[in-house]
Amino acid sequence: MTDGPDFLTFLIEIGGECEGAAHPWWDVQIVNFDLKTGQQTGLLEYLPEAWVETGDPTEPLFDIYVSAAGPNLTDECLESLTFALTKQYLRFDIGLDTRTQTLLILPVGLPHVEIGCVEPVGAKPDALQKAGFDPRLVKAIGDQL
């Protein structure tokens, strides 16, 4: 998804079926590396400071996710995501995608029956800048424009 110069991001999707199992299994993860430090990062340090100070940036990420998804987010998925948010088992993985020039936001923590609602959504650099994201992260996406 992103291959530098500041970050390296992978979107990893795995799944399969086991003989005799009731359902197939599937998982998706976003893994990021800061190429300046060589360390893996969840990119939390690049979120707006006010979000991180509260200790849980899930609600503002939820708002950006819903806004970026627009009409592609079904009422059923919005209801599932909202329920998961209120019950506090929803969280988001984020990663850079220079191909689409967005910050991918991926909901995680939903039950298997709601796996159809686990779709990454891309937020554009102008929305991130407006929300107060760290300029280094916005620039890493925007450099490709």
N, C-alpha and C. Protein backbone atom coordinates (compact mmCIF):
# COMPACT_ATOMS: atom_id res chain seq x y z
N MET A 1 0.82 -1.18 0.00
CA MET A 1 0.00 0.00 0.00
C MET A 1 0.87 1.25 0.00
N THR A 2 1.88 1.28 0.85
CA THR A 2 2.81 2.40 0.89
C THR A 2 4.22 1.82 0.96
N ASP A 3 5.12 2.39 0.18
CA ASP A 3 6.48 1.86 0.19
C ASP A 3 7.50 2.97 0.33
N GLY A 4 7.22 3.91 1.22
CA GLY A 4 8.20 4.94 1.54
C GLY A 4 7.89 6.26 0.89
N PRO A 5 8.71 7.24 1.18
CA PRO A 5 9.99 7.16 1.88
C PRO A 5 9.87 7.20 3.41
N ASP A 6 8.70 7.61 3.94
CA ASP A 6 8.57 7.73 5.39
C ASP A 6 7.98 6.50 6.06
N PHE A 7 7.08 5.82 5.36
CA PHE A 7 6.35 4.70 5.95
C PHE A 7 6.28 3.53 4.98
N LEU A 8 6.13 2.35 5.56
CA LEU A 8 5.87 1.14 4.79
C LEU A 8 4.61 0.53 5.40
N THR A 9 3.60 0.30 4.57
CA THR A 9 2.32 -0.22 5.06
C THR A 9 1.91 -1.43 4.26
N PHE A 10 1.46 -2.46 4.98
CA PHE A 10 0.93 -3.67 4.36
C PHE A 10 -0.52 -3.86 4.78
N LEU A 11 -1.37 -4.24 3.85
CA LEU A 11 -2.72 -4.70 4.14
C LEU A 11 -2.67 -6.21 3.96
N ILE A 12 -2.85 -6.94 5.04
CA ILE A 12 -2.72 -8.40 5.02
C ILE A 12 -4.09 -9.02 5.18
N GLU A 13 -4.49 -9.81 4.19
CA GLU A 13 -5.76 -10.53 4.25
C GLU A 13 -5.47 -12.02 4.16
N ILE A 14 -5.97 -12.77 5.13
CA ILE A 14 -5.78 -14.21 5.13
C ILE A 14 -7.12 -14.88 5.44
N GLY A 15 -7.26 -16.11 5.01
CA GLY A 15 -8.48 -16.84 5.30
C GLY A 15 -8.39 -18.25 4.79
N GLY A 16 -9.39 -19.01 5.09
CA GLY A 16 -9.42 -20.39 4.64
C GLY A 16 -10.60 -21.14 5.20
N GLU A 17 -10.59 -22.42 4.95
CA GLU A 17 -11.65 -23.29 5.44
C GLU A 17 -11.00 -24.52 6.05
N CYS A 18 -11.58 -24.98 7.12
CA CYS A 18 -11.12 -26.21 7.76
C CYS A 18 -12.20 -27.27 7.59
N GLU A 19 -11.78 -28.45 7.23
CA GLU A 19 -12.74 -29.54 7.03
C GLU A 19 -13.54 -29.76 8.30
N GLY A 20 -14.85 -29.79 8.15
CA GLY A 20 -15.73 -30.02 9.28
C GLY A 20 -16.12 -28.77 10.04
N ALA A 21 -15.50 -27.64 9.73
CA ALA A 21 -15.83 -26.40 10.43
C ALA A 21 -17.15 -25.84 9.91
N ALA A 22 -17.85 -25.13 10.76
CA ALA A 22 -19.15 -24.56 10.37
C ALA A 22 -19.00 -23.40 9.40
N HIS A 23 -17.93 -22.65 9.54
CA HIS A 23 -17.74 -21.46 8.71
C HIS A 23 -16.28 -21.32 8.30
N PRO A 24 -16.02 -20.68 7.18
CA PRO A 24 -14.62 -20.35 6.85
C PRO A 24 -14.12 -19.27 7.81
N TRP A 25 -12.82 -19.08 7.86
CA TRP A 25 -12.26 -18.03 8.69
C TRP A 25 -11.58 -17.00 7.81
N TRP A 26 -11.47 -15.81 8.33
CA TRP A 26 -10.92 -14.70 7.56
C TRP A 26 -10.42 -13.64 8.52
N ASP A 27 -9.32 -13.01 8.17
CA ASP A 27 -8.78 -11.93 8.99
C ASP A 27 -8.10 -10.92 8.08
N VAL A 28 -8.15 -9.68 8.47
CA VAL A 28 -7.46 -8.62 7.75
C VAL A 28 -6.78 -7.73 8.77
N GLN A 29 -5.56 -7.34 8.47
CA GLN A 29 -4.78 -6.49 9.36
C GLN A 29 -4.04 -5.44 8.54
N ILE A 30 -3.78 -4.33 9.18
CA ILE A 30 -2.91 -3.31 8.59
C ILE A 30 -1.66 -3.25 9.46
N VAL A 31 -0.50 -3.37 8.84
CA VAL A 31 0.78 -3.32 9.55
C VAL A 31 1.60 -2.18 8.95
N ASN A 32 2.09 -1.29 9.82
CA ASN A 32 2.85 -0.11 9.40
C ASN A 32 4.24 -0.11 10.01
N PHE A 33 5.20 0.41 9.26
CA PHE A 33 6.56 0.62 9.77
C PHE A 33 6.96 2.07 9.51
N ASP A 34 7.57 2.68 10.50
CA ASP A 34 8.15 4.01 10.36
C ASP A 34 9.56 3.79 9.83
N LEU A 35 9.81 4.20 8.60
CA LEU A 35 11.11 3.92 7.98
C LEU A 35 12.24 4.79 8.53
N LYS A 36 11.91 5.85 9.26
CA LYS A 36 12.96 6.65 9.90
C LYS A 36 13.51 5.95 11.13
N THR A 37 12.64 5.19 11.85
CA THR A 37 13.08 4.50 13.06
C THR A 37 13.26 3.00 12.84
N GLY A 38 12.62 2.46 11.80
CA GLY A 38 12.64 1.03 11.55
C GLY A 38 11.66 0.25 12.43
N GLN A 39 10.89 0.96 13.24
CA GLN A 39 9.97 0.32 14.18
C GLN A 39 8.56 0.18 13.60
N GLN A 40 7.89 -0.89 14.02
CA GLN A 40 6.48 -1.04 13.67
C GLN A 40 5.69 0.02 14.44
N THR A 41 4.67 0.58 13.81
CA THR A 41 3.86 1.61 14.45
C THR A 41 2.40 1.43 14.09
N GLY A 42 1.53 1.74 15.03
CA GLY A 42 0.10 1.75 14.77
C GLY A 42 -0.36 3.10 14.25
N LEU A 43 0.60 4.02 14.09
CA LEU A 43 0.38 5.39 13.64
C LEU A 43 -0.38 6.25 14.64
N LEU A 44 -0.60 5.75 15.86
CA LEU A 44 -1.33 6.53 16.86
C LEU A 44 -0.64 7.85 17.18
N GLU A 45 0.68 7.85 17.13
CA GLU A 45 1.41 9.09 17.46
C GLU A 45 1.20 10.18 16.42
N TYR A 46 0.58 9.86 15.30
CA TYR A 46 0.33 10.85 14.25
C TYR A 46 -1.12 11.33 14.22
N LEU A 47 -1.93 10.81 15.15
CA LEU A 47 -3.31 11.28 15.27
C LEU A 47 -3.32 12.65 15.95
N PRO A 48 -4.40 13.39 15.82
CA PRO A 48 -4.49 14.67 16.54
C PRO A 48 -4.26 14.45 18.04
N GLU A 49 -3.48 15.36 18.64
CA GLU A 49 -3.10 15.21 20.04
C GLU A 49 -4.30 15.08 20.96
N ALA A 50 -5.34 15.84 20.71
CA ALA A 50 -6.53 15.80 21.57
C ALA A 50 -7.16 14.41 21.58
N TRP A 51 -7.07 13.69 20.47
CA TRP A 51 -7.64 12.34 20.41
C TRP A 51 -6.85 11.38 21.27
N VAL A 52 -5.54 11.51 21.22
CA VAL A 52 -4.67 10.59 21.93
C VAL A 52 -4.69 10.87 23.44
N GLU A 53 -4.82 12.16 23.80
CA GLU A 53 -4.84 12.54 25.22
C GLU A 53 -6.01 11.90 25.96
N THR A 54 -7.12 11.66 25.28
CA THR A 54 -8.27 11.02 25.93
C THR A 54 -8.01 9.55 26.17
N GLY A 55 -6.99 8.98 25.53
CA GLY A 55 -6.64 7.58 25.70
C GLY A 55 -7.32 6.65 24.72
N ASP A 56 -8.36 7.13 24.02
CA ASP A 56 -9.07 6.27 23.09
C ASP A 56 -9.56 7.09 21.89
N PRO A 57 -8.89 6.95 20.76
CA PRO A 57 -9.28 7.72 19.58
C PRO A 57 -10.38 7.07 18.75
N THR A 58 -11.07 6.07 19.29
CA THR A 58 -12.05 5.32 18.51
C THR A 58 -13.20 6.19 18.01
N GLU A 59 -13.78 7.03 18.86
CA GLU A 59 -14.93 7.81 18.44
C GLU A 59 -14.62 8.78 17.29
N PRO A 60 -13.54 9.57 17.38
CA PRO A 60 -13.26 10.45 16.23
C PRO A 60 -12.89 9.67 14.96
N LEU A 61 -12.22 8.52 15.10
CA LEU A 61 -11.94 7.69 13.92
C LEU A 61 -13.24 7.14 13.34
N PHE A 62 -14.18 6.79 14.21
CA PHE A 62 -15.50 6.34 13.76
C PHE A 62 -16.16 7.43 12.91
N ASP A 63 -16.10 8.67 13.40
CA ASP A 63 -16.72 9.78 12.66
C ASP A 63 -16.08 9.97 11.28
N ILE A 64 -14.76 9.90 11.22
CA ILE A 64 -14.07 10.04 9.94
C ILE A 64 -14.39 8.85 9.04
N TYR A 65 -14.45 7.65 9.62
CA TYR A 65 -14.79 6.44 8.85
C TYR A 65 -16.16 6.59 8.21
N VAL A 66 -17.15 6.96 8.99
CA VAL A 66 -18.53 7.10 8.49
C VAL A 66 -18.60 8.17 7.42
N SER A 67 -17.93 9.29 7.65
CA SER A 67 -17.93 10.37 6.66
C SER A 67 -17.27 9.94 5.36
N ALA A 68 -16.12 9.26 5.46
CA ALA A 68 -15.39 8.84 4.25
C ALA A 68 -16.15 7.73 3.51
N ALA A 69 -16.87 6.87 4.24
CA ALA A 69 -17.62 5.79 3.60
C ALA A 69 -18.80 6.32 2.81
N GLY A 70 -19.40 7.40 3.31
CA GLY A 70 -20.52 8.01 2.61
C GLY A 70 -21.64 7.03 2.33
N PRO A 71 -22.21 7.10 1.13
CA PRO A 71 -23.36 6.24 0.80
C PRO A 71 -22.99 4.76 0.64
N ASN A 72 -21.70 4.42 0.60
CA ASN A 72 -21.30 3.01 0.49
C ASN A 72 -21.52 2.24 1.79
N LEU A 73 -21.72 2.96 2.90
CA LEU A 73 -21.94 2.32 4.19
C LEU A 73 -23.43 2.02 4.33
N THR A 74 -23.76 0.74 4.37
CA THR A 74 -25.18 0.35 4.47
C THR A 74 -25.73 0.70 5.85
N ASP A 75 -27.04 0.83 5.94
CA ASP A 75 -27.68 1.09 7.23
C ASP A 75 -27.39 -0.02 8.22
N GLU A 76 -27.38 -1.27 7.74
CA GLU A 76 -27.09 -2.41 8.62
C GLU A 76 -25.68 -2.33 9.20
N CYS A 77 -24.72 -1.97 8.35
CA CYS A 77 -23.33 -1.87 8.83
C CYS A 77 -23.17 -0.68 9.77
N LEU A 78 -23.82 0.43 9.46
CA LEU A 78 -23.76 1.59 10.35
C LEU A 78 -24.33 1.21 11.71
N GLU A 79 -25.43 0.48 11.72
CA GLU A 79 -26.03 0.05 12.98
C GLU A 79 -25.08 -0.89 13.73
N SER A 80 -24.46 -1.83 13.04
CA SER A 80 -23.51 -2.77 13.68
C SER A 80 -22.30 -2.04 14.24
N LEU A 81 -21.76 -1.11 13.47
CA LEU A 81 -20.59 -0.36 13.92
C LEU A 81 -20.94 0.53 15.12
N THR A 82 -22.10 1.17 15.06
CA THR A 82 -22.53 2.04 16.16
C THR A 82 -22.74 1.23 17.43
N PHE A 83 -23.36 0.05 17.31
CA PHE A 83 -23.55 -0.82 18.47
C PHE A 83 -22.20 -1.23 19.06
N ALA A 84 -21.28 -1.65 18.19
CA ALA A 84 -19.95 -2.05 18.66
C ALA A 84 -19.22 -0.89 19.33
N LEU A 85 -19.42 0.32 18.82
CA LEU A 85 -18.81 1.50 19.42
C LEU A 85 -19.37 1.74 20.82
N THR A 86 -20.68 1.67 20.96
CA THR A 86 -21.30 1.93 22.27
C THR A 86 -20.96 0.85 23.28
N LYS A 87 -20.75 -0.38 22.81
CA LYS A 87 -20.38 -1.48 23.71
C LYS A 87 -18.87 -1.56 23.92
N GLN A 88 -18.14 -0.68 23.27
CA GLN A 88 -16.69 -0.51 23.42
C GLN A 88 -15.87 -1.72 22.99
N TYR A 89 -16.31 -2.44 21.97
CA TYR A 89 -15.46 -3.49 21.41
C TYR A 89 -15.03 -3.18 19.98
N LEU A 90 -15.39 -2.02 19.49
CA LEU A 90 -14.95 -1.58 18.18
C LEU A 90 -13.63 -0.82 18.32
N ARG A 91 -12.72 -1.10 17.43
CA ARG A 91 -11.50 -0.29 17.32
C ARG A 91 -11.16 -0.20 15.84
N PHE A 92 -10.17 0.60 15.52
CA PHE A 92 -9.79 0.79 14.13
C PHE A 92 -8.29 0.62 13.96
N ASP A 93 -7.90 -0.05 12.88
CA ASP A 93 -6.52 -0.06 12.42
C ASP A 93 -6.44 0.98 11.31
N ILE A 94 -5.31 1.65 11.22
CA ILE A 94 -5.13 2.64 10.16
C ILE A 94 -3.82 2.39 9.43
N GLY A 95 -3.78 2.78 8.17
CA GLY A 95 -2.58 2.61 7.36
C GLY A 95 -2.61 3.54 6.17
N LEU A 96 -1.45 3.80 5.62
CA LEU A 96 -1.33 4.70 4.48
C LEU A 96 -1.46 3.94 3.17
N ASP A 97 -2.18 4.51 2.25
CA ASP A 97 -2.31 3.92 0.92
C ASP A 97 -2.01 5.01 -0.11
N THR A 98 -0.78 5.03 -0.58
CA THR A 98 -0.41 6.06 -1.56
C THR A 98 -1.00 5.78 -2.94
N ARG A 99 -1.41 4.55 -3.18
CA ARG A 99 -2.05 4.23 -4.46
C ARG A 99 -3.37 4.99 -4.59
N THR A 100 -4.17 5.01 -3.52
CA THR A 100 -5.44 5.73 -3.54
C THR A 100 -5.32 7.11 -2.90
N GLN A 101 -4.12 7.42 -2.39
CA GLN A 101 -3.84 8.70 -1.74
C GLN A 101 -4.77 8.96 -0.57
N THR A 102 -4.89 7.93 0.29
CA THR A 102 -5.77 8.02 1.44
C THR A 102 -5.14 7.37 2.67
N LEU A 103 -5.73 7.69 3.81
CA LEU A 103 -5.45 6.96 5.04
C LEU A 103 -6.55 5.90 5.14
N LEU A 104 -6.16 4.63 5.08
CA LEU A 104 -7.15 3.57 5.21
C LEU A 104 -7.53 3.41 6.67
N ILE A 105 -8.82 3.31 6.91
CA ILE A 105 -9.36 3.10 8.25
C ILE A 105 -10.14 1.79 8.20
N LEU A 106 -9.73 0.84 9.02
CA LEU A 106 -10.30 -0.50 9.00
C LEU A 106 -10.95 -0.82 10.34
N PRO A 107 -12.27 -1.07 10.37
CA PRO A 107 -12.89 -1.45 11.64
C PRO A 107 -12.49 -2.88 12.01
N VAL A 108 -12.16 -3.08 13.28
CA VAL A 108 -11.81 -4.41 13.77
C VAL A 108 -12.53 -4.65 15.10
N GLY A 109 -12.75 -5.91 15.39
CA GLY A 109 -13.40 -6.28 16.64
C GLY A 109 -14.85 -6.70 16.48
N LEU A 110 -15.35 -6.68 15.23
CA LEU A 110 -16.74 -7.08 15.02
C LEU A 110 -16.87 -8.60 15.06
N PRO A 111 -18.03 -9.10 15.49
CA PRO A 111 -18.25 -10.55 15.48
C PRO A 111 -18.24 -11.11 14.06
N HIS A 112 -18.02 -12.42 13.95
CA HIS A 112 -17.93 -13.08 12.65
C HIS A 112 -19.16 -12.81 11.77
N VAL A 113 -20.35 -12.79 12.36
CA VAL A 113 -21.57 -12.61 11.56
C VAL A 113 -21.63 -11.22 10.92
N GLU A 114 -20.80 -10.30 11.38
CA GLU A 114 -20.79 -8.94 10.82
C GLU A 114 -19.53 -8.69 9.99
N ILE A 115 -18.87 -9.75 9.56
CA ILE A 115 -17.61 -9.63 8.84
C ILE A 115 -17.77 -8.85 7.53
N GLY A 116 -18.98 -8.85 6.98
CA GLY A 116 -19.23 -8.09 5.75
C GLY A 116 -19.11 -6.59 5.95
N CYS A 117 -19.13 -6.15 7.20
CA CYS A 117 -18.99 -4.72 7.50
C CYS A 117 -17.53 -4.32 7.72
N VAL A 118 -16.61 -5.27 7.64
CA VAL A 118 -15.19 -4.98 7.84
C VAL A 118 -14.59 -4.61 6.49
N GLU A 119 -14.80 -3.38 6.11
CA GLU A 119 -14.29 -2.86 4.85
C GLU A 119 -13.41 -1.65 5.13
N PRO A 120 -12.20 -1.63 4.60
CA PRO A 120 -11.39 -0.43 4.78
C PRO A 120 -11.96 0.73 3.96
N VAL A 121 -11.90 1.91 4.54
CA VAL A 121 -12.39 3.12 3.89
C VAL A 121 -11.23 4.11 3.87
N GLY A 122 -11.08 4.84 2.77
CA GLY A 122 -9.98 5.79 2.64
C GLY A 122 -10.40 7.22 2.93
N ALA A 123 -9.68 7.87 3.85
CA ALA A 123 -9.90 9.29 4.15
C ALA A 123 -8.85 10.11 3.42
N LYS A 124 -9.28 11.14 2.73
CA LYS A 124 -8.39 11.97 1.92
C LYS A 124 -7.53 12.91 2.79
N PRO A 125 -6.38 13.33 2.27
CA PRO A 125 -5.47 14.18 3.04
C PRO A 125 -6.11 15.48 3.54
N ASP A 126 -6.99 16.11 2.76
CA ASP A 126 -7.58 17.38 3.22
C ASP A 126 -8.44 17.15 4.47
N ALA A 127 -9.16 16.02 4.55
CA ALA A 127 -9.96 15.72 5.75
C ALA A 127 -9.05 15.47 6.95
N LEU A 128 -7.91 14.82 6.72
CA LEU A 128 -6.97 14.55 7.80
C LEU A 128 -6.33 15.83 8.31
N GLN A 129 -5.95 16.69 7.37
CA GLN A 129 -5.34 17.96 7.75
C GLN A 129 -6.33 18.80 8.55
N LYS A 130 -7.56 18.84 8.10
CA LYS A 130 -8.62 19.60 8.78
C LYS A 130 -8.85 19.06 10.20
N ALA A 131 -8.75 17.75 10.37
CA ALA A 131 -8.96 17.12 11.68
C ALA A 131 -7.76 17.29 12.61
N GLY A 132 -6.61 17.73 12.09
CA GLY A 132 -5.45 17.98 12.92
C GLY A 132 -4.43 16.85 12.98
N PHE A 133 -4.43 15.97 11.97
CA PHE A 133 -3.43 14.91 11.93
C PHE A 133 -2.04 15.51 11.78
N ASP A 134 -1.04 14.78 12.25
CA ASP A 134 0.35 15.21 12.15
C ASP A 134 0.71 15.47 10.69
N PRO A 135 1.36 16.60 10.41
CA PRO A 135 1.72 16.92 9.02
C PRO A 135 2.57 15.86 8.33
N ARG A 136 3.40 15.14 9.08
CA ARG A 136 4.24 14.11 8.45
C ARG A 136 3.38 13.01 7.83
N LEU A 137 2.30 12.63 8.52
CA LEU A 137 1.42 11.59 8.00
C LEU A 137 0.64 12.12 6.79
N VAL A 138 0.12 13.33 6.91
CA VAL A 138 -0.64 13.92 5.78
C VAL A 138 0.27 14.07 4.57
N LYS A 139 1.50 14.50 4.80
CA LYS A 139 2.46 14.68 3.70
C LYS A 139 2.79 13.34 3.04
N ALA A 140 2.88 12.27 3.84
CA ALA A 140 3.22 10.96 3.30
C ALA A 140 2.17 10.49 2.30
N ILE A 141 0.93 10.90 2.50
CA ILE A 141 -0.14 10.58 1.54
C ILE A 141 -0.13 11.60 0.42
N GLY A 142 -0.07 12.88 0.80
CA GLY A 142 -0.20 13.98 -0.16
C GLY A 142 0.97 14.11 -1.13
N ASP A 143 2.14 13.58 -0.77
CA ASP A 143 3.29 13.66 -1.69
C ASP A 143 3.02 12.99 -3.01
N GLN A 144 2.08 12.06 -3.00
CA GLN A 144 1.80 11.29 -4.21
C GLN A 144 0.80 12.00 -5.12
N LEU A 145 0.27 13.14 -4.65
CA LEU A 145 -0.75 13.85 -5.43
C LEU A 145 -0.18 14.50 -6.66
